[in-house]
N, C-alpha and C. Protein backbone atom coordinates (compact mmCIF):
# COMPACT_ATOMS: atom_id res chain seq x y z
N SER A 1 0.82 -1.18 -0.02
CA SER A 1 0.00 0.01 -0.01
C SER A 1 0.90 1.29 0.00
N VAL A 2 0.49 2.24 -0.78
CA VAL A 2 1.31 3.46 -0.88
C VAL A 2 0.86 4.42 0.19
N GLN A 3 1.82 4.73 1.05
CA GLN A 3 1.55 5.67 2.18
C GLN A 3 2.23 7.06 1.91
N THR A 4 3.40 6.98 1.23
CA THR A 4 4.20 8.23 0.93
C THR A 4 4.64 8.14 -0.49
N VAL A 5 5.16 9.23 -1.01
CA VAL A 5 5.70 9.26 -2.34
C VAL A 5 6.76 8.32 -2.57
N LYS A 6 7.64 8.07 -1.44
CA LYS A 6 8.66 7.10 -1.56
C LYS A 6 8.28 5.76 -1.91
N ASP A 7 7.07 5.34 -1.50
CA ASP A 7 6.43 4.09 -1.74
C ASP A 7 6.19 3.82 -3.26
N LEU A 8 6.29 4.88 -4.08
CA LEU A 8 6.02 4.78 -5.50
C LEU A 8 7.32 4.26 -6.27
N GLU A 9 8.36 4.13 -5.63
CA GLU A 9 9.61 3.63 -6.32
C GLU A 9 9.26 2.32 -7.10
N GLY A 10 9.70 2.33 -8.35
CA GLY A 10 9.48 1.17 -9.19
C GLY A 10 8.04 0.80 -9.56
N LYS A 11 7.08 1.64 -9.24
CA LYS A 11 5.67 1.36 -9.46
C LYS A 11 5.27 1.96 -10.85
N ARG A 12 4.04 1.47 -11.30
CA ARG A 12 3.48 2.11 -12.52
C ARG A 12 2.34 3.10 -12.09
N ILE A 13 2.47 4.28 -12.71
CA ILE A 13 1.52 5.35 -12.33
C ILE A 13 0.82 5.86 -13.66
N ALA A 14 -0.49 5.91 -13.62
CA ALA A 14 -1.24 6.51 -14.74
C ALA A 14 -1.70 7.94 -14.34
N THR A 15 -1.62 8.82 -15.38
CA THR A 15 -1.99 10.16 -15.20
C THR A 15 -2.24 10.91 -16.51
N GLU A 16 -3.02 11.96 -16.49
CA GLU A 16 -3.16 12.80 -17.63
C GLU A 16 -2.21 13.96 -17.66
N VAL A 17 -1.41 14.08 -16.56
CA VAL A 17 -0.42 15.17 -16.47
C VAL A 17 1.00 14.55 -16.29
N ILE A 18 1.47 14.01 -17.41
CA ILE A 18 2.76 13.24 -17.32
C ILE A 18 3.90 14.12 -16.93
N ASN A 19 4.08 15.27 -17.47
CA ASN A 19 5.28 16.11 -17.19
C ASN A 19 5.27 16.58 -15.70
N ILE A 20 4.09 16.97 -15.16
CA ILE A 20 3.99 17.40 -13.87
C ILE A 20 4.33 16.24 -12.88
N THR A 21 3.75 15.06 -13.22
CA THR A 21 3.98 13.85 -12.46
C THR A 21 5.51 13.44 -12.48
N GLY A 22 6.03 13.44 -13.59
CA GLY A 22 7.54 13.12 -13.81
C GLY A 22 8.34 14.06 -12.96
N GLN A 23 8.11 15.30 -13.03
CA GLN A 23 8.90 16.36 -12.28
C GLN A 23 8.75 16.17 -10.77
N TYR A 24 7.52 15.84 -10.36
CA TYR A 24 7.20 15.56 -8.94
C TYR A 24 8.02 14.47 -8.42
N LEU A 25 8.03 13.38 -9.17
CA LEU A 25 8.74 12.14 -8.82
C LEU A 25 10.22 12.43 -8.77
N LYS A 26 10.76 13.14 -9.74
CA LYS A 26 12.16 13.51 -9.82
C LYS A 26 12.50 14.40 -8.63
N ASP A 27 11.73 15.33 -8.30
CA ASP A 27 12.02 16.13 -7.08
C ASP A 27 12.11 15.42 -5.83
N HIS A 28 11.39 14.29 -5.74
CA HIS A 28 11.39 13.39 -4.55
C HIS A 28 12.34 12.21 -4.71
N GLY A 29 13.08 12.18 -5.72
CA GLY A 29 14.03 11.13 -5.87
C GLY A 29 13.40 9.67 -6.07
N VAL A 30 12.29 9.69 -6.71
CA VAL A 30 11.61 8.41 -6.92
C VAL A 30 11.55 8.10 -8.44
N ASN A 31 11.99 6.88 -8.74
CA ASN A 31 11.97 6.34 -10.12
C ASN A 31 10.81 5.41 -10.32
N ALA A 32 9.88 5.91 -11.16
CA ALA A 32 8.62 5.07 -11.39
C ALA A 32 8.26 5.14 -12.84
N GLU A 33 7.48 4.26 -13.36
CA GLU A 33 7.00 4.24 -14.77
C GLU A 33 5.70 5.09 -14.77
N VAL A 34 5.77 6.14 -15.56
CA VAL A 34 4.54 7.04 -15.66
C VAL A 34 3.94 6.84 -17.11
N GLU A 35 2.67 6.58 -17.17
CA GLU A 35 1.95 6.33 -18.40
C GLU A 35 0.82 7.31 -18.55
N PHE A 36 0.49 7.71 -19.76
CA PHE A 36 -0.59 8.58 -19.98
C PHE A 36 -1.97 7.81 -19.84
N SER A 37 -2.91 8.56 -19.22
CA SER A 37 -4.24 8.02 -19.07
C SER A 37 -5.28 8.87 -19.97
N TRP A 38 -6.12 8.23 -20.63
CA TRP A 38 -7.10 8.93 -21.43
C TRP A 38 -8.35 9.22 -20.65
N GLY A 39 -8.36 9.27 -19.37
CA GLY A 39 -9.50 9.55 -18.55
C GLY A 39 -9.95 8.36 -17.83
N ALA A 40 -10.98 8.52 -16.90
CA ALA A 40 -11.40 7.56 -15.92
C ALA A 40 -10.20 6.91 -15.25
N THR A 41 -9.16 7.74 -14.96
CA THR A 41 -7.94 7.26 -14.36
C THR A 41 -8.19 6.54 -13.02
N GLU A 42 -9.11 6.98 -12.28
CA GLU A 42 -9.36 6.42 -10.90
C GLU A 42 -9.75 4.97 -10.93
N VAL A 43 -10.32 4.49 -12.03
CA VAL A 43 -10.75 3.07 -12.08
C VAL A 43 -9.67 2.07 -12.45
N LYS A 44 -8.47 2.63 -12.72
CA LYS A 44 -7.33 1.78 -13.17
C LYS A 44 -6.58 1.11 -12.06
N VAL A 45 -6.72 1.55 -10.85
CA VAL A 45 -6.10 0.98 -9.64
C VAL A 45 -6.99 -0.03 -9.18
N PRO A 46 -6.55 -1.20 -8.76
CA PRO A 46 -5.17 -1.73 -8.82
C PRO A 46 -4.94 -2.70 -9.95
N ASP A 47 -5.89 -2.83 -10.83
CA ASP A 47 -5.78 -3.84 -11.90
C ASP A 47 -4.72 -3.47 -13.01
N LEU A 48 -4.70 -2.20 -13.38
CA LEU A 48 -3.81 -1.81 -14.48
C LEU A 48 -2.56 -1.09 -14.02
N VAL A 49 -2.63 -0.30 -12.97
CA VAL A 49 -1.49 0.44 -12.39
C VAL A 49 -1.43 0.35 -10.90
N ASP A 50 -0.32 0.79 -10.33
CA ASP A 50 -0.17 0.79 -8.87
C ASP A 50 -0.70 2.03 -8.23
N ALA A 51 -0.66 3.17 -9.00
CA ALA A 51 -1.10 4.43 -8.36
C ALA A 51 -1.50 5.33 -9.52
N ILE A 52 -2.15 6.43 -9.16
CA ILE A 52 -2.51 7.45 -10.22
C ILE A 52 -2.20 8.83 -9.69
N VAL A 53 -2.04 9.81 -10.64
CA VAL A 53 -2.05 11.22 -10.36
C VAL A 53 -3.20 11.70 -11.13
N ASP A 54 -4.13 12.30 -10.45
CA ASP A 54 -5.33 12.75 -11.10
C ASP A 54 -5.73 14.19 -10.81
N LEU A 55 -6.49 14.80 -11.67
CA LEU A 55 -6.98 16.14 -11.48
C LEU A 55 -8.31 15.95 -10.73
N THR A 56 -8.52 16.61 -9.68
CA THR A 56 -9.73 16.51 -8.89
C THR A 56 -10.15 17.81 -8.24
N GLU A 57 -11.46 18.01 -8.15
CA GLU A 57 -11.90 19.20 -7.50
C GLU A 57 -12.22 18.97 -6.08
N THR A 58 -12.91 17.82 -5.82
CA THR A 58 -13.33 17.46 -4.49
C THR A 58 -12.73 16.25 -3.98
N GLY A 59 -12.29 15.37 -4.84
CA GLY A 59 -11.75 13.98 -4.36
C GLY A 59 -12.83 12.95 -4.20
N ASN A 60 -14.07 13.35 -4.42
CA ASN A 60 -15.25 12.39 -4.21
C ASN A 60 -14.98 11.15 -5.14
N SER A 61 -14.68 11.36 -6.43
CA SER A 61 -14.59 10.17 -7.30
C SER A 61 -13.42 9.31 -6.82
N LEU A 62 -12.39 9.91 -6.31
CA LEU A 62 -11.23 9.08 -5.78
C LEU A 62 -11.72 8.20 -4.64
N ARG A 63 -12.41 8.83 -3.73
CA ARG A 63 -13.00 8.15 -2.49
C ARG A 63 -13.95 7.09 -2.89
N ALA A 64 -14.81 7.38 -3.89
CA ALA A 64 -15.78 6.41 -4.37
C ALA A 64 -15.12 5.20 -4.90
N ASN A 65 -13.84 5.32 -5.41
CA ASN A 65 -13.15 4.18 -5.90
C ASN A 65 -12.13 3.62 -4.93
N ASN A 66 -12.41 3.86 -3.63
CA ASN A 66 -11.57 3.39 -2.50
C ASN A 66 -10.11 3.82 -2.64
N LEU A 67 -9.86 5.00 -3.10
CA LEU A 67 -8.54 5.51 -3.27
C LEU A 67 -8.30 6.64 -2.20
N ARG A 68 -7.04 6.82 -1.85
CA ARG A 68 -6.71 7.80 -0.78
C ARG A 68 -5.68 8.83 -1.36
N ILE A 69 -5.84 10.08 -1.12
CA ILE A 69 -4.91 11.03 -1.55
C ILE A 69 -3.64 11.01 -0.67
N VAL A 70 -2.50 10.73 -1.32
CA VAL A 70 -1.22 10.64 -0.62
C VAL A 70 -0.59 12.04 -0.51
N ASP A 71 -0.70 12.84 -1.57
CA ASP A 71 -0.09 14.16 -1.63
C ASP A 71 -0.80 14.96 -2.67
N THR A 72 -0.73 16.35 -2.53
CA THR A 72 -1.20 17.25 -3.58
C THR A 72 -0.02 17.77 -4.26
N LEU A 73 -0.06 17.62 -5.62
CA LEU A 73 1.13 18.08 -6.38
C LEU A 73 1.06 19.64 -6.66
N LEU A 74 -0.19 20.15 -6.90
CA LEU A 74 -0.36 21.53 -7.11
C LEU A 74 -1.82 21.94 -7.11
N TYR A 75 -2.06 23.19 -6.83
CA TYR A 75 -3.36 23.80 -6.87
C TYR A 75 -3.47 24.62 -8.19
N THR A 76 -4.44 24.64 -8.85
CA THR A 76 -4.58 25.35 -10.13
C THR A 76 -5.75 26.23 -10.21
N ASN A 77 -5.65 27.22 -11.06
CA ASN A 77 -6.76 28.08 -11.45
C ASN A 77 -6.91 28.12 -12.93
N THR A 78 -8.08 28.28 -13.47
CA THR A 78 -8.27 28.42 -14.82
C THR A 78 -8.02 29.89 -15.25
N VAL A 79 -7.28 30.11 -16.30
CA VAL A 79 -7.04 31.44 -16.79
C VAL A 79 -7.16 31.47 -18.33
N LEU A 80 -7.59 32.59 -18.83
CA LEU A 80 -7.74 32.78 -20.27
C LEU A 80 -6.68 33.76 -20.65
N ILE A 81 -5.80 33.38 -21.59
CA ILE A 81 -4.68 34.20 -21.99
C ILE A 81 -4.92 34.57 -23.51
N ALA A 82 -4.83 35.84 -23.73
CA ALA A 82 -4.99 36.39 -25.12
C ALA A 82 -3.66 36.87 -25.74
N ASN A 83 -3.47 36.61 -26.98
CA ASN A 83 -2.30 37.20 -27.73
C ASN A 83 -2.46 38.74 -27.76
N ARG A 84 -1.37 39.45 -27.51
CA ARG A 84 -1.48 40.96 -27.48
C ARG A 84 -2.01 41.46 -28.81
N ALA A 85 -1.50 40.98 -29.85
CA ALA A 85 -1.93 41.49 -31.21
C ALA A 85 -3.41 41.24 -31.39
N ALA A 86 -3.88 40.08 -30.96
CA ALA A 86 -5.35 39.71 -31.14
C ALA A 86 -6.20 40.67 -30.24
N TRP A 87 -5.64 40.95 -28.99
CA TRP A 87 -6.35 41.82 -28.07
C TRP A 87 -6.52 43.27 -28.62
N GLU A 88 -5.55 43.71 -29.38
CA GLU A 88 -5.59 45.08 -29.91
C GLU A 88 -6.59 45.19 -31.08
N ASN A 89 -6.94 44.04 -31.75
CA ASN A 89 -7.91 44.10 -32.80
C ASN A 89 -9.30 43.99 -32.26
N PRO A 90 -10.11 45.10 -32.47
CA PRO A 90 -11.47 45.18 -31.86
C PRO A 90 -12.34 43.96 -32.10
N ALA A 91 -12.31 43.43 -33.33
CA ALA A 91 -13.15 42.27 -33.72
C ALA A 91 -12.74 41.02 -32.82
N LYS A 92 -11.39 40.84 -32.85
CA LYS A 92 -10.91 39.66 -32.10
C LYS A 92 -11.06 39.85 -30.57
N ARG A 93 -10.92 41.14 -30.15
CA ARG A 93 -11.09 41.40 -28.69
C ARG A 93 -12.52 41.03 -28.29
N LYS A 94 -13.46 41.33 -29.11
CA LYS A 94 -14.91 41.11 -28.81
C LYS A 94 -15.08 39.58 -28.77
N LYS A 95 -14.48 38.84 -29.60
CA LYS A 95 -14.60 37.37 -29.57
C LYS A 95 -13.96 36.78 -28.26
N ILE A 96 -12.84 37.35 -28.00
CA ILE A 96 -12.12 36.91 -26.65
C ILE A 96 -13.01 37.26 -25.46
N GLU A 97 -13.60 38.41 -25.46
CA GLU A 97 -14.46 38.83 -24.35
C GLU A 97 -15.71 37.90 -24.24
N ASN A 98 -16.21 37.59 -25.42
CA ASN A 98 -17.37 36.61 -25.42
C ASN A 98 -17.00 35.29 -24.90
N ILE A 99 -15.82 34.79 -25.27
CA ILE A 99 -15.37 33.50 -24.74
C ILE A 99 -15.21 33.58 -23.20
N ALA A 100 -14.62 34.68 -22.68
CA ALA A 100 -14.43 34.91 -21.32
C ALA A 100 -15.84 34.86 -20.57
N MET A 101 -16.74 35.57 -21.20
CA MET A 101 -18.05 35.67 -20.58
C MET A 101 -18.73 34.22 -20.54
N LEU A 102 -18.54 33.42 -21.61
CA LEU A 102 -19.16 32.10 -21.62
C LEU A 102 -18.49 31.15 -20.65
N LEU A 103 -17.18 31.23 -20.51
CA LEU A 103 -16.45 30.53 -19.53
C LEU A 103 -16.87 30.86 -18.11
N GLN A 104 -16.98 32.14 -17.82
CA GLN A 104 -17.46 32.60 -16.52
C GLN A 104 -18.91 32.08 -16.28
N ALA A 105 -19.69 32.11 -17.30
CA ALA A 105 -21.12 31.67 -17.14
C ALA A 105 -21.19 30.16 -16.78
N ALA A 106 -20.29 29.38 -17.40
CA ALA A 106 -20.22 27.98 -17.10
C ALA A 106 -19.74 27.72 -15.67
N LEU A 107 -18.87 28.56 -15.17
CA LEU A 107 -18.34 28.41 -13.73
C LEU A 107 -19.50 28.80 -12.81
N GLU A 108 -20.23 29.90 -13.18
CA GLU A 108 -21.28 30.35 -12.30
C GLU A 108 -22.42 29.21 -12.23
N ALA A 109 -22.64 28.56 -13.36
CA ALA A 109 -23.76 27.47 -13.45
C ALA A 109 -23.28 26.27 -12.59
N HIS A 110 -22.07 26.10 -12.30
CA HIS A 110 -21.62 24.89 -11.62
C HIS A 110 -22.23 24.75 -10.23
N SER A 111 -22.45 25.90 -9.58
CA SER A 111 -23.01 25.81 -8.19
C SER A 111 -24.52 26.15 -8.09
N LYS A 112 -25.20 26.20 -9.28
CA LYS A 112 -26.65 26.60 -9.19
C LYS A 112 -27.43 25.50 -9.99
N VAL A 113 -28.72 25.50 -9.66
CA VAL A 113 -29.66 24.65 -10.42
C VAL A 113 -30.87 25.47 -10.74
N GLY A 114 -31.61 24.92 -11.69
CA GLY A 114 -32.88 25.50 -12.07
C GLY A 114 -33.95 24.79 -11.34
N LEU A 115 -35.07 25.48 -11.01
CA LEU A 115 -36.12 24.82 -10.30
C LEU A 115 -37.48 25.30 -10.96
N LYS A 116 -38.32 24.31 -11.31
CA LYS A 116 -39.66 24.66 -11.87
C LYS A 116 -40.63 24.02 -10.94
N LEU A 117 -41.77 24.67 -10.81
CA LEU A 117 -42.86 24.12 -10.00
C LEU A 117 -44.16 24.83 -10.25
N ASN A 118 -45.22 24.17 -9.89
CA ASN A 118 -46.57 24.73 -10.07
C ASN A 118 -47.15 25.00 -8.63
N ILE A 119 -47.95 25.99 -8.48
CA ILE A 119 -48.52 26.36 -7.21
C ILE A 119 -49.91 27.00 -7.48
N GLU A 120 -50.88 26.74 -6.58
CA GLU A 120 -52.14 27.47 -6.69
C GLU A 120 -51.88 28.99 -6.38
N LYS A 121 -52.57 29.81 -7.07
CA LYS A 121 -52.40 31.31 -6.89
C LYS A 121 -52.64 31.71 -5.53
N VAL A 122 -53.55 31.12 -4.83
CA VAL A 122 -53.90 31.49 -3.37
C VAL A 122 -52.72 31.21 -2.47
N LYS A 123 -51.85 30.29 -2.86
CA LYS A 123 -50.70 29.96 -1.99
C LYS A 123 -49.39 30.61 -2.50
N LEU A 124 -49.46 31.42 -3.59
CA LEU A 124 -48.28 31.95 -4.21
C LEU A 124 -47.46 32.91 -3.27
N ASP A 125 -48.14 33.83 -2.63
CA ASP A 125 -47.38 34.81 -1.80
C ASP A 125 -46.59 34.13 -0.74
N ALA A 126 -47.21 33.19 -0.01
CA ALA A 126 -46.54 32.50 1.08
C ALA A 126 -45.35 31.76 0.52
N LEU A 127 -45.55 31.09 -0.65
CA LEU A 127 -44.35 30.35 -1.23
C LEU A 127 -43.26 31.27 -1.68
N LEU A 128 -43.55 32.40 -2.29
CA LEU A 128 -42.52 33.32 -2.70
C LEU A 128 -41.62 33.84 -1.60
N LYS A 129 -42.17 33.85 -0.32
CA LYS A 129 -41.34 34.23 0.83
C LYS A 129 -40.22 33.22 1.10
N GLU A 130 -40.52 31.94 0.70
CA GLU A 130 -39.46 30.87 0.93
C GLU A 130 -38.55 30.73 -0.19
N LEU A 131 -38.85 31.30 -1.37
CA LEU A 131 -38.16 30.96 -2.58
C LEU A 131 -37.05 31.91 -2.92
N PRO A 132 -35.77 31.45 -2.88
CA PRO A 132 -34.70 32.38 -3.30
C PRO A 132 -34.65 32.36 -4.82
N ALA A 133 -34.01 33.40 -5.37
CA ALA A 133 -33.90 33.52 -6.79
C ALA A 133 -32.68 34.38 -7.09
N LEU A 134 -32.16 34.34 -8.39
CA LEU A 134 -31.11 35.23 -8.77
C LEU A 134 -31.64 36.65 -8.64
N ARG A 135 -32.76 36.98 -9.16
CA ARG A 135 -33.44 38.27 -9.04
C ARG A 135 -34.77 37.98 -8.48
N ASN A 136 -35.75 37.81 -9.33
CA ASN A 136 -37.10 37.31 -9.01
C ASN A 136 -37.38 36.15 -9.89
N PRO A 137 -38.28 35.19 -9.27
CA PRO A 137 -38.61 34.09 -10.15
C PRO A 137 -39.52 34.47 -11.22
N THR A 138 -39.54 33.70 -12.29
CA THR A 138 -40.40 33.91 -13.47
C THR A 138 -41.78 33.18 -13.06
N ILE A 139 -42.88 33.92 -13.27
CA ILE A 139 -44.24 33.30 -12.91
C ILE A 139 -45.03 33.40 -14.19
N ASN A 140 -45.55 32.20 -14.59
CA ASN A 140 -46.37 32.15 -15.81
C ASN A 140 -47.75 31.59 -15.49
N ARG A 141 -48.72 31.99 -16.25
CA ARG A 141 -50.08 31.51 -16.13
C ARG A 141 -50.10 30.04 -16.69
N LEU A 142 -50.97 29.24 -16.07
CA LEU A 142 -51.29 27.84 -16.63
C LEU A 142 -52.63 27.85 -17.24
N THR A 143 -52.96 26.87 -18.05
CA THR A 143 -54.29 26.76 -18.59
C THR A 143 -55.42 26.70 -17.49
N ASP A 144 -55.09 26.11 -16.39
CA ASP A 144 -55.99 26.15 -15.22
C ASP A 144 -55.70 27.45 -14.52
N GLU A 145 -56.57 28.44 -14.62
CA GLU A 145 -56.25 29.75 -14.15
C GLU A 145 -56.06 29.88 -12.69
N ALA A 146 -56.39 28.87 -11.95
CA ALA A 146 -56.21 28.90 -10.48
C ALA A 146 -54.73 28.58 -10.15
N TRP A 147 -53.96 28.20 -11.06
CA TRP A 147 -52.58 27.77 -10.87
C TRP A 147 -51.60 28.66 -11.63
N VAL A 148 -50.38 28.73 -11.22
CA VAL A 148 -49.19 29.39 -11.90
C VAL A 148 -48.03 28.46 -11.90
N ALA A 149 -47.17 28.67 -12.88
CA ALA A 149 -45.86 27.94 -12.93
C ALA A 149 -44.74 28.91 -12.58
N ILE A 150 -43.83 28.41 -11.76
CA ILE A 150 -42.70 29.17 -11.31
C ILE A 150 -41.38 28.63 -11.85
N ASP A 151 -40.55 29.47 -12.31
CA ASP A 151 -39.20 29.00 -12.81
C ASP A 151 -38.17 29.95 -12.12
N THR A 152 -37.17 29.33 -11.44
CA THR A 152 -36.19 30.16 -10.76
C THR A 152 -34.88 29.43 -10.80
N ILE A 153 -33.83 30.15 -10.39
CA ILE A 153 -32.45 29.64 -10.29
C ILE A 153 -32.10 29.79 -8.86
N ILE A 154 -31.51 28.76 -8.30
CA ILE A 154 -31.16 28.73 -6.84
C ILE A 154 -29.73 28.12 -6.69
N ASP A 155 -29.06 28.35 -5.55
CA ASP A 155 -27.86 27.74 -5.25
C ASP A 155 -28.13 26.24 -4.98
N GLU A 156 -27.35 25.38 -5.61
CA GLU A 156 -27.55 23.94 -5.47
C GLU A 156 -27.56 23.47 -4.07
N ASN A 157 -26.75 24.13 -3.16
CA ASN A 157 -26.64 23.61 -1.87
C ASN A 157 -27.83 23.84 -0.93
N VAL A 158 -28.85 24.65 -1.47
CA VAL A 158 -30.08 24.88 -0.69
C VAL A 158 -31.19 23.98 -1.20
N SER A 159 -31.08 23.34 -2.38
CA SER A 159 -32.17 22.58 -2.90
C SER A 159 -32.65 21.44 -2.01
N ARG A 160 -31.79 20.77 -1.34
CA ARG A 160 -32.09 19.60 -0.55
C ARG A 160 -33.16 19.96 0.56
N GLU A 161 -32.95 21.13 1.18
CA GLU A 161 -33.91 21.65 2.22
C GLU A 161 -35.14 22.37 1.58
N LEU A 162 -34.83 23.07 0.48
CA LEU A 162 -35.85 23.92 -0.08
C LEU A 162 -36.98 23.22 -0.73
N ILE A 163 -36.67 22.06 -1.49
CA ILE A 163 -37.77 21.31 -2.22
C ILE A 163 -38.82 20.78 -1.23
N PRO A 164 -38.44 20.08 -0.08
CA PRO A 164 -39.50 19.64 0.85
C PRO A 164 -40.34 20.83 1.41
N ALA A 165 -39.66 21.98 1.61
CA ALA A 165 -40.37 23.18 2.10
C ALA A 165 -41.35 23.70 1.11
N LEU A 166 -40.89 23.66 -0.17
CA LEU A 166 -41.90 24.12 -1.21
C LEU A 166 -43.08 23.12 -1.36
N LYS A 167 -42.79 21.84 -1.26
CA LYS A 167 -43.83 20.84 -1.24
C LYS A 167 -44.86 21.09 -0.15
N ALA A 168 -44.28 21.41 1.06
CA ALA A 168 -45.11 21.63 2.30
C ALA A 168 -45.98 22.92 2.05
N HIS A 169 -45.54 23.83 1.23
CA HIS A 169 -46.34 25.03 0.92
C HIS A 169 -47.35 24.78 -0.22
N GLY A 170 -47.43 23.57 -0.74
CA GLY A 170 -48.41 23.23 -1.76
C GLY A 170 -47.88 23.17 -3.17
N ALA A 171 -46.58 23.32 -3.36
CA ALA A 171 -45.99 23.20 -4.68
C ALA A 171 -46.20 21.77 -5.21
N GLU A 172 -46.39 21.71 -6.50
CA GLU A 172 -46.50 20.36 -7.20
C GLU A 172 -45.65 20.42 -8.46
N GLY A 173 -45.35 19.24 -9.02
CA GLY A 173 -44.62 19.19 -10.27
C GLY A 173 -43.22 19.84 -10.13
N ILE A 174 -42.59 19.65 -9.02
CA ILE A 174 -41.34 20.30 -8.77
C ILE A 174 -40.26 19.54 -9.62
N ILE A 175 -39.50 20.32 -10.32
CA ILE A 175 -38.39 19.78 -11.27
C ILE A 175 -37.15 20.56 -10.93
N GLU A 176 -36.06 19.88 -10.53
CA GLU A 176 -34.76 20.41 -10.46
C GLU A 176 -34.01 19.99 -11.68
N TYR A 177 -33.21 20.95 -12.25
CA TYR A 177 -32.39 20.55 -13.46
C TYR A 177 -31.12 21.33 -13.44
N PRO A 178 -30.04 20.72 -13.97
CA PRO A 178 -28.74 21.33 -14.03
C PRO A 178 -28.65 22.47 -15.02
N LEU A 179 -27.71 23.38 -14.81
CA LEU A 179 -27.63 24.52 -15.71
C LEU A 179 -26.17 24.45 -16.41
N ASN A 180 -26.21 24.92 -17.63
CA ASN A 180 -24.86 24.94 -18.32
C ASN A 180 -24.27 26.25 -18.22
N LYS A 181 -25.01 27.34 -18.24
CA LYS A 181 -24.38 28.66 -18.16
C LYS A 181 -25.30 29.50 -17.45
N VAL A 182 -24.81 30.51 -16.62
CA VAL A 182 -25.55 31.53 -15.97
C VAL A 182 -24.86 32.87 -16.26
N VAL A 183 -25.47 33.70 -17.09
CA VAL A 183 -24.89 34.97 -17.45
C VAL A 183 -25.58 36.15 -16.72
N TYR A 184 -24.75 36.91 -16.01
CA TYR A 184 -25.25 38.03 -15.20
C TYR A 184 -25.20 39.30 -16.08
């Protein structure tokens, strides 16, 4: 069992970041065989390799595959880099700014979910007091005029408690869905 980086001596390691892994091992005086992984790296241990170096945000996938983090090689942030000449060109700058906006929108969407539900109009005011939203929820009429449909965006971490509360206020047809982009 691998407890420290030294335990990787002579072992086979799968990773998507070969150069970083190789430098890390070299810095620690460890000689190991490093091979490229095309993804799903965490499922390769122990059948195909002895260890992995993987990109992870939370480590949940690693733990789900009964793996333990021995060390962290680096912390990273995503950056968008533009060529100076391209940045000076107004048309290209606009495209770069649009790409940046869409990337930021994808990052914003990562922690949010959409929520759709139906509620009787007579219960609407009480329900709206419970319902968070980016700004205000969208409220649409239904063919049954006694009811309305609500569409809103919420932080994903509140949905577990919020959905039962909405149901208790009389909401029906509650649908939670993932978001791809949220543009402010």
